[in-house]
Structures are given as C-alpha cells and as structure tokens.
C-alpha cells in the first residue's frame, strides 16, 4: 500500500525486474553525432577522389550501417 517500505533484498528484486522500454518501431533513437561522423567520413572519401557510390559503400562498411543510412546522413545537410 501507500507508504510501504522495501528491504534491500526486495529493492534488488524489483530493480532486477525492470526493463528498458522498447524502441519505437524497433529502431534505436537517432544519434545526431553519429550521423555527422558518417557524413564527414563519406565526404572525406569523396574529396580524396573516390566516386560517390563507392564512398557511400565504404562508409556503410566502415560504420556497420546500411547505404540508406549513409544517404540519409548526406541528405540531412542537403548534400545527398
């Protein structure tokens, strides 16, 4: 009831049962910093003379993400 006090063992048991809420649409929250690193890496490869499609593929491989994610990072700055 209201005002109940838990022992340390009961607290540990309750905390052990708590779980993180699921991500919406089974997707992790967007990380803007990671997106910027992806975009910068891709543009560095392009500025080094690599063709755009290969730079996108190499960036996706380097970050362990999809080519779609790399393209979205590029589009976020209006440079897709």
Protein backbone atom coordinates (compact mmCIF):
# COMPACT_ATOMS: atom_id res chain seq x y z
CA UNK A 1 0.00 0.00 0.00
CA UNK A 2 0.95 3.64 0.15
CA UNK A 3 4.00 4.34 2.25
CA UNK A 4 5.30 0.78 2.02
CA UNK A 5 8.98 0.33 2.74
CA UNK A 6 11.08 -2.25 0.92
CA UNK A 7 14.04 -4.11 2.31
CA UNK A 8 17.32 -4.04 0.36
CA UNK A 9 16.63 -7.55 -0.96
CA UNK A 10 13.17 -6.52 -2.14
CA UNK A 11 14.62 -3.42 -3.82
CA UNK A 12 17.18 -5.54 -5.65
CA UNK A 13 14.44 -7.91 -6.78
CA UNK A 14 12.23 -5.07 -8.08
CA UNK A 15 15.15 -3.38 -9.87
CA UNK A 16 16.10 -6.70 -11.43
CA UNK A 17 12.63 -6.97 -12.95
CA UNK A 18 12.72 -3.52 -14.57
CA UNK A 19 13.45 -3.47 -18.28
CA UNK A 20 14.20 -0.69 -20.71
CA UNK A 21 11.15 0.29 -22.74
CA UNK A 22 11.23 -0.95 -26.33
CA UNK A 23 12.33 1.47 -29.03
CA UNK A 24 9.56 2.88 -31.21
CA UNK A 25 9.23 0.91 -34.45
CA UNK A 26 12.05 -1.35 -33.17
CA UNK A 27 14.56 1.35 -34.12
CA UNK A 28 17.10 2.91 -31.77
CA UNK A 29 16.79 6.64 -31.19
CA UNK A 30 18.57 8.80 -33.73
CA UNK A 31 22.09 9.80 -32.82
CA UNK A 32 22.89 13.13 -34.47
CA UNK A 33 26.58 12.94 -33.63
CA UNK A 34 26.98 9.55 -35.29
CA UNK A 35 25.12 10.85 -38.35
CA UNK A 36 27.62 13.72 -38.62
CA UNK A 37 30.58 11.33 -38.37
CA UNK A 38 29.05 9.22 -41.15
CA UNK A 39 28.51 12.28 -43.35
CA UNK A 40 32.01 13.67 -42.74
CA UNK A 41 33.67 10.30 -43.40
CA UNK A 42 31.81 9.89 -46.67
CA UNK A 43 32.74 13.38 -47.87
CA UNK A 44 36.40 12.85 -46.93
CA UNK A 45 36.46 9.75 -49.13
CA UNK A 46 34.84 11.67 -51.98
CA UNK A 47 37.21 14.61 -51.61
CA UNK A 48 40.07 12.12 -51.80
CA UNK A 49 38.93 11.19 -55.30
CA UNK A 50 36.68 8.20 -54.62
CA UNK A 51 33.46 8.01 -56.69
CA UNK A 52 30.28 8.80 -54.74
CA UNK A 53 28.73 5.32 -54.89
CA UNK A 54 31.95 3.66 -53.73
CA UNK A 55 32.40 6.25 -50.96
CA UNK A 56 28.87 5.51 -49.73
CA UNK A 57 29.52 1.76 -49.79
CA UNK A 58 32.87 2.11 -47.98
CA UNK A 59 31.33 4.39 -45.35
CA UNK A 60 28.50 1.94 -44.74
CA UNK A 61 31.02 -0.87 -44.33
CA UNK A 62 33.23 1.21 -42.01
CA UNK A 63 30.35 2.19 -39.67
CA UNK A 64 28.49 -1.13 -39.95
CA UNK A 65 25.33 0.52 -41.23
CA UNK A 66 23.31 0.45 -44.43
CA UNK A 67 23.91 2.53 -47.54
CA UNK A 68 20.49 4.04 -46.89
CA UNK A 69 21.74 5.39 -43.54
CA UNK A 70 24.74 6.99 -45.25
CA UNK A 71 22.50 8.57 -47.89
CA UNK A 72 20.17 9.89 -45.17
CA UNK A 73 23.14 11.46 -43.37
CA UNK A 74 24.16 13.15 -46.62
CA UNK A 75 20.59 14.36 -47.28
CA UNK A 76 20.29 15.77 -43.77
CA UNK A 77 22.69 18.52 -44.83
CA UNK A 78 21.11 18.96 -48.24
CA UNK A 79 24.06 17.34 -50.00
CA UNK A 80 22.58 13.97 -50.96
